[in-house]
Amino acid sequence: MKRLIILGAGTAGTMMANHLQHELDTNEWEIQIIDERVEHHYQPGYLFLPFDIYQGS
């Protein structure tokens, strides 16, 4: 079995793992995500900050 390791379980890492899970043959590939944190907190609004979309009051 082939193993693909994704470093970082942030938004990009989890999105990539989800995308690749649908693209790769799961009988042939194992996807693992490695991150320094145990928990990942996702809020859709987090993406507003790096893309300069947030309009504060």
PDB file of N, CA and C in Angstrom:
ATOM      1  N   MET A   1       0.849  -1.186   0.000  1.00  0.00           N
ATOM      2  CA  MET A   1       0.000   0.000   0.000  1.00  0.00           C
ATOM      3  C   MET A   1       0.886   1.239   0.000  1.00  0.00           C
ATOM      4  N   LYS A   2       0.487   2.221  -0.776  1.00  0.00           N
ATOM      5  CA  LYS A   2       1.194   3.500  -0.823  1.00  0.00           C
ATOM      6  C   LYS A   2       0.655   4.397   0.277  1.00  0.00           C
ATOM      7  N   ARG A   3       1.536   5.238   0.820  1.00  0.00           N
ATOM      8  CA  ARG A   3       1.135   6.133   1.907  1.00  0.00           C
ATOM      9  C   ARG A   3       1.442   7.569   1.512  1.00  0.00           C
ATOM     10  N   LEU A   4       0.451   8.438   1.643  1.00  0.00           N
ATOM     11  CA  LEU A   4       0.610   9.861   1.390  1.00  0.00           C
ATOM     12  C   LEU A   4       0.475  10.579   2.721  1.00  0.00           C
ATOM     13  N   ILE A   5       1.444  11.403   3.063  1.00  0.00           N
ATOM     14  CA  ILE A   5       1.427  12.121   4.335  1.00  0.00           C
ATOM     15  C   ILE A   5       1.281  13.604   4.053  1.00  0.00           C
ATOM     16  N   ILE A   6       0.308  14.217   4.707  1.00  0.00           N
ATOM     17  CA  ILE A   6       0.073  15.654   4.594  1.00  0.00           C
ATOM     18  C   ILE A   6       0.512  16.279   5.910  1.00  0.00           C
ATOM     19  N   LEU A   7       1.412  17.258   5.835  1.00  0.00           N
ATOM     20  CA  LEU A   7       1.881  17.953   7.024  1.00  0.00           C
ATOM     21  C   LEU A   7       1.027  19.188   7.250  1.00  0.00           C
ATOM     22  N   GLY A   8       0.342  19.215   8.381  1.00  0.00           N
ATOM     23  CA  GLY A   8      -0.514  20.344   8.719  1.00  0.00           C
ATOM     24  C   GLY A   8      -1.979  20.004   8.564  1.00  0.00           C
ATOM     25  N   ALA A   9      -2.713  20.099   9.655  1.00  0.00           N
ATOM     26  CA  ALA A   9      -4.134  19.762   9.644  1.00  0.00           C
ATOM     27  C   ALA A   9      -5.007  21.008   9.698  1.00  0.00           C
ATOM     28  N   GLY A  10      -4.488  22.109   9.167  1.00  0.00           N
ATOM     29  CA  GLY A  10      -5.296  23.322   9.085  1.00  0.00           C
ATOM     30  C   GLY A  10      -6.311  23.198   7.960  1.00  0.00           C
ATOM     31  N   THR A  11      -6.837  24.306   7.553  1.00  0.00           N
ATOM     32  CA  THR A  11      -7.854  24.302   6.505  1.00  0.00           C
ATOM     33  C   THR A  11      -7.323  23.688   5.212  1.00  0.00           C
ATOM     34  N   ALA A  12      -6.130  24.097   4.795  1.00  0.00           N
ATOM     35  CA  ALA A  12      -5.576  23.582   3.536  1.00  0.00           C
ATOM     36  C   ALA A  12      -5.282  22.086   3.622  1.00  0.00           C
ATOM     37  N   GLY A  13      -4.711  21.627   4.735  1.00  0.00           N
ATOM     38  CA  GLY A  13      -4.390  20.216   4.884  1.00  0.00           C
ATOM     39  C   GLY A  13      -5.620  19.324   4.880  1.00  0.00           C
ATOM     40  N   THR A  14      -6.661  19.741   5.587  1.00  0.00           N
ATOM     41  CA  THR A  14      -7.870  18.929   5.639  1.00  0.00           C
ATOM     42  C   THR A  14      -8.617  18.968   4.300  1.00  0.00           C
ATOM     43  N   MET A  15      -8.591  20.125   3.622  1.00  0.00           N
ATOM     44  CA  MET A  15      -9.231  20.199   2.304  1.00  0.00           C
ATOM     45  C   MET A  15      -8.497  19.306   1.297  1.00  0.00           C
ATOM     46  N   MET A  16      -7.169  19.296   1.350  1.00  0.00           N
ATOM     47  CA  MET A  16      -6.396  18.469   0.434  1.00  0.00           C
ATOM     48  C   MET A  16      -6.649  16.986   0.710  1.00  0.00           C
ATOM     49  N   ALA A  17      -6.683  16.587   1.969  1.00  0.00           N
ATOM     50  CA  ALA A  17      -6.949  15.188   2.308  1.00  0.00           C
ATOM     51  C   ALA A  17      -8.332  14.769   1.811  1.00  0.00           C
ATOM     52  N   ASN A  18      -9.310  15.625   1.986  1.00  0.00           N
ATOM     53  CA  ASN A  18     -10.665  15.326   1.526  1.00  0.00           C
ATOM     54  C   ASN A  18     -10.701  15.194   0.007  1.00  0.00           C
ATOM     55  N   HIS A  19     -10.049  16.106  -0.689  1.00  0.00           N
ATOM     56  CA  HIS A  19     -10.015  16.055  -2.159  1.00  0.00           C
ATOM     57  C   HIS A  19      -9.322  14.784  -2.638  1.00  0.00           C
ATOM     58  N   LEU A  20      -8.160  14.471  -2.068  1.00  0.00           N
ATOM     59  CA  LEU A  20      -7.403  13.305  -2.516  1.00  0.00           C
ATOM     60  C   LEU A  20      -8.109  11.992  -2.185  1.00  0.00           C
ATOM     61  N   GLN A  21      -8.880  11.982  -1.103  1.00  0.00           N
ATOM     62  CA  GLN A  21      -9.625  10.773  -0.744  1.00  0.00           C
ATOM     63  C   GLN A  21     -10.592  10.387  -1.859  1.00  0.00           C
ATOM     64  N   HIS A  22     -11.133  11.383  -2.535  1.00  0.00           N
ATOM     65  CA  HIS A  22     -12.076  11.116  -3.626  1.00  0.00           C
ATOM     66  C   HIS A  22     -11.369  10.821  -4.950  1.00  0.00           C
ATOM     67  N   GLU A  23     -10.114  11.222  -5.071  1.00  0.00           N
ATOM     68  CA  GLU A  23      -9.377  11.050  -6.322  1.00  0.00           C
ATOM     69  C   GLU A  23      -8.523   9.781  -6.361  1.00  0.00           C
ATOM     70  N   LEU A  24      -8.038   9.327  -5.213  1.00  0.00           N
ATOM     71  CA  LEU A  24      -7.125   8.183  -5.160  1.00  0.00           C
ATOM     72  C   LEU A  24      -7.878   6.896  -4.840  1.00  0.00           C
ATOM     73  N   ASP A  25      -7.378   5.794  -5.328  1.00  0.00           N
ATOM     74  CA  ASP A  25      -7.945   4.478  -5.041  1.00  0.00           C
ATOM     75  C   ASP A  25      -7.639   4.129  -3.583  1.00  0.00           C
ATOM     76  N   THR A  26      -8.673   4.028  -2.754  1.00  0.00           N
ATOM     77  CA  THR A  26      -8.464   3.779  -1.319  1.00  0.00           C
ATOM     78  C   THR A  26      -7.945   2.372  -1.036  1.00  0.00           C
ATOM     79  N   ASN A  27      -8.024   1.477  -1.998  1.00  0.00           N
ATOM     80  CA  ASN A  27      -7.423   0.155  -1.832  1.00  0.00           C
ATOM     81  C   ASN A  27      -5.919   0.203  -2.062  1.00  0.00           C
ATOM     82  N   GLU A  28      -5.463   1.278  -2.693  1.00  0.00           N
ATOM     83  CA  GLU A  28      -4.055   1.407  -3.045  1.00  0.00           C
ATOM     84  C   GLU A  28      -3.328   2.471  -2.217  1.00  0.00           C
ATOM     85  N   TRP A  29      -4.076   3.474  -1.718  1.00  0.00           N
ATOM     86  CA  TRP A  29      -3.482   4.608  -1.018  1.00  0.00           C
ATOM     87  C   TRP A  29      -4.016   4.752   0.401  1.00  0.00           C
ATOM     88  N   GLU A  30      -3.144   5.146   1.310  1.00  0.00           N
ATOM     89  CA  GLU A  30      -3.512   5.510   2.678  1.00  0.00           C
ATOM     90  C   GLU A  30      -3.088   6.956   2.878  1.00  0.00           C
ATOM     91  N   ILE A  31      -4.016   7.804   3.319  1.00  0.00           N
ATOM     92  CA  ILE A  31      -3.734   9.225   3.539  1.00  0.00           C
ATOM     93  C   ILE A  31      -3.645   9.471   5.040  1.00  0.00           C
ATOM     94  N   GLN A  32      -2.550  10.099   5.467  1.00  0.00           N
ATOM     95  CA  GLN A  32      -2.371  10.462   6.868  1.00  0.00           C
ATOM     96  C   GLN A  32      -2.090  11.955   6.968  1.00  0.00           C
ATOM     97  N   ILE A  33      -2.632  12.569   8.003  1.00  0.00           N
ATOM     98  CA  ILE A  33      -2.373  13.980   8.270  1.00  0.00           C
ATOM     99  C   ILE A  33      -1.608  14.066   9.582  1.00  0.00           C
ATOM    100  N   ILE A  34      -0.514  14.812   9.576  1.00  0.00           N
ATOM    101  CA  ILE A  34       0.290  15.002  10.775  1.00  0.00           C
ATOM    102  C   ILE A  34       0.261  16.489  11.134  1.00  0.00           C
ATOM    103  N   ASP A  35      -0.032  16.768  12.389  1.00  0.00           N
ATOM    104  CA  ASP A  35      -0.072  18.155  12.857  1.00  0.00           C
ATOM    105  C   ASP A  35       0.443  18.203  14.285  1.00  0.00           C
ATOM    106  N   GLU A  36       0.956  19.348  14.682  1.00  0.00           N
ATOM    107  CA  GLU A  36       1.475  19.497  16.039  1.00  0.00           C
ATOM    108  C   GLU A  36       0.359  19.642  17.077  1.00  0.00           C
ATOM    109  N   ARG A  37      -0.820  19.937  16.627  1.00  0.00           N
ATOM    110  CA  ARG A  37      -1.953  20.115  17.546  1.00  0.00           C
ATOM    111  C   ARG A  37      -2.873  18.891  17.518  1.00  0.00           C
ATOM    112  N   VAL A  38      -3.543  18.666  18.624  1.00  0.00           N
ATOM    113  CA  VAL A  38      -4.469  17.542  18.720  1.00  0.00           C
ATOM    114  C   VAL A  38      -5.825  17.914  18.125  1.00  0.00           C
ATOM    115  N   GLU A  39      -6.229  19.176  18.266  1.00  0.00           N
ATOM    116  CA  GLU A  39      -7.536  19.625  17.792  1.00  0.00           C
ATOM    117  C   GLU A  39      -7.379  20.654  16.682  1.00  0.00           C
ATOM    118  N   HIS A  40      -8.359  20.667  15.802  1.00  0.00           N
ATOM    119  CA  HIS A  40      -8.418  21.692  14.753  1.00  0.00           C
ATOM    120  C   HIS A  40      -9.769  22.376  14.868  1.00  0.00           C
ATOM    121  N   HIS A  41      -9.762  23.696  15.012  1.00  0.00           N
ATOM    122  CA  HIS A  41     -11.000  24.470  15.102  1.00  0.00           C
ATOM    123  C   HIS A  41     -11.228  25.161  13.766  1.00  0.00           C
ATOM    124  N   TYR A  42     -12.355  24.861  13.143  1.00  0.00           N
ATOM    125  CA  TYR A  42     -12.664  25.463  11.848  1.00  0.00           C
ATOM    126  C   TYR A  42     -13.871  26.372  11.979  1.00  0.00           C
ATOM    127  N   GLN A  43     -13.711  27.580  11.502  1.00  0.00           N
ATOM    128  CA  GLN A  43     -14.813  28.522  11.379  1.00  0.00           C
ATOM    129  C   GLN A  43     -14.740  29.090   9.971  1.00  0.00           C
ATOM    130  N   PRO A  44     -15.821  29.085   9.216  1.00  0.00           N
ATOM    131  CA  PRO A  44     -15.760  29.624   7.855  1.00  0.00           C
ATOM    132  C   PRO A  44     -15.219  31.052   7.809  1.00  0.00           C
ATOM    133  N   GLY A  45     -15.472  31.837   8.843  1.00  0.00           N
ATOM    134  CA  GLY A  45     -15.001  33.222   8.883  1.00  0.00           C
ATOM    135  C   GLY A  45     -13.494  33.351   8.972  1.00  0.00           C
ATOM    136  N   TYR A  46     -12.787  32.296   9.374  1.00  0.00           N
ATOM    137  CA  TYR A  46     -11.326  32.362   9.450  1.00  0.00           C
ATOM    138  C   TYR A  46     -10.711  32.695   8.098  1.00  0.00           C
ATOM    139  N   LEU A  47     -11.359  32.318   7.020  1.00  0.00           N
ATOM    140  CA  LEU A  47     -10.820  32.590   5.693  1.00  0.00           C
ATOM    141  C   LEU A  47     -10.956  34.056   5.293  1.00  0.00           C
ATOM    142  N   PHE A  48     -11.793  34.806   5.992  1.00  0.00           N
ATOM    143  CA  PHE A  48     -11.957  36.218   5.652  1.00  0.00           C
ATOM    144  C   PHE A  48     -10.677  37.004   5.949  1.00  0.00           C
ATOM    145  N   LEU A  49      -9.935  36.615   6.965  1.00  0.00           N
ATOM    146  CA  LEU A  49      -8.751  37.377   7.364  1.00  0.00           C
ATOM    147  C   LEU A  49      -7.614  37.296   6.343  1.00  0.00           C
ATOM    148  N   PRO A  50      -7.145  36.104   5.951  1.00  0.00           N
ATOM    149  CA  PRO A  50      -6.017  36.087   5.011  1.00  0.00           C
ATOM    150  C   PRO A  50      -6.358  36.605   3.617  1.00  0.00           C
ATOM    151  N   PHE A  51      -7.634  36.567   3.252  1.00  0.00           N
ATOM    152  CA  PHE A  51      -8.024  37.040   1.927  1.00  0.00           C
ATOM    153  C   PHE A  51      -8.553  38.479   1.969  1.00  0.00           C
ATOM    154  N   ASP A  52      -8.399  39.140   3.127  1.00  0.00           N
ATOM    155  CA  ASP A  52      -8.754  40.553   3.302  1.00  0.00           C
ATOM    156  C   ASP A  52     -10.201  40.843   2.923  1.00  0.00           C
ATOM    157  N   ILE A  53     -11.095  39.948   3.337  1.00  0.00           N
ATOM    158  CA  ILE A  53     -12.513  40.127   3.057  1.00  0.00           C
ATOM    159  C   ILE A  53     -13.248  40.689   4.268  1.00  0.00           C
ATOM    160  N   TYR A  54     -12.659  40.515   5.458  1.00  0.00           N
ATOM    161  CA  TYR A  54     -13.311  40.917   6.702  1.00  0.00           C
ATOM    162  C   TYR A  54     -13.545  42.410   6.748  1.00  0.00           C
ATOM    163  N   GLN A  55     -14.755  42.801   7.058  1.00  0.00           N
ATOM    164  CA  GLN A  55     -15.117  44.223   7.208  1.00  0.00           C
ATOM    165  C   GLN A  55     -15.497  44.452   8.661  1.00  0.00           C
ATOM    166  N   GLY A  56     -14.565  44.871   9.471  1.00  0.00           N
ATOM    167  CA  GLY A  56     -14.825  45.130  10.895  1.00  0.00           C
ATOM    168  C   GLY A  56     -15.634  46.394  11.085  1.00  0.00           C
ATOM    169  N   SER A  57     -16.289  46.487  12.245  1.00  0.00           N
ATOM    170  CA  SER A  57     -17.102  47.677  12.500  1.00  0.00           C
ATOM    171  C   SER A  57     -16.316  48.734  13.233  1.00  0.00           C
TER     172      SER A  57
END
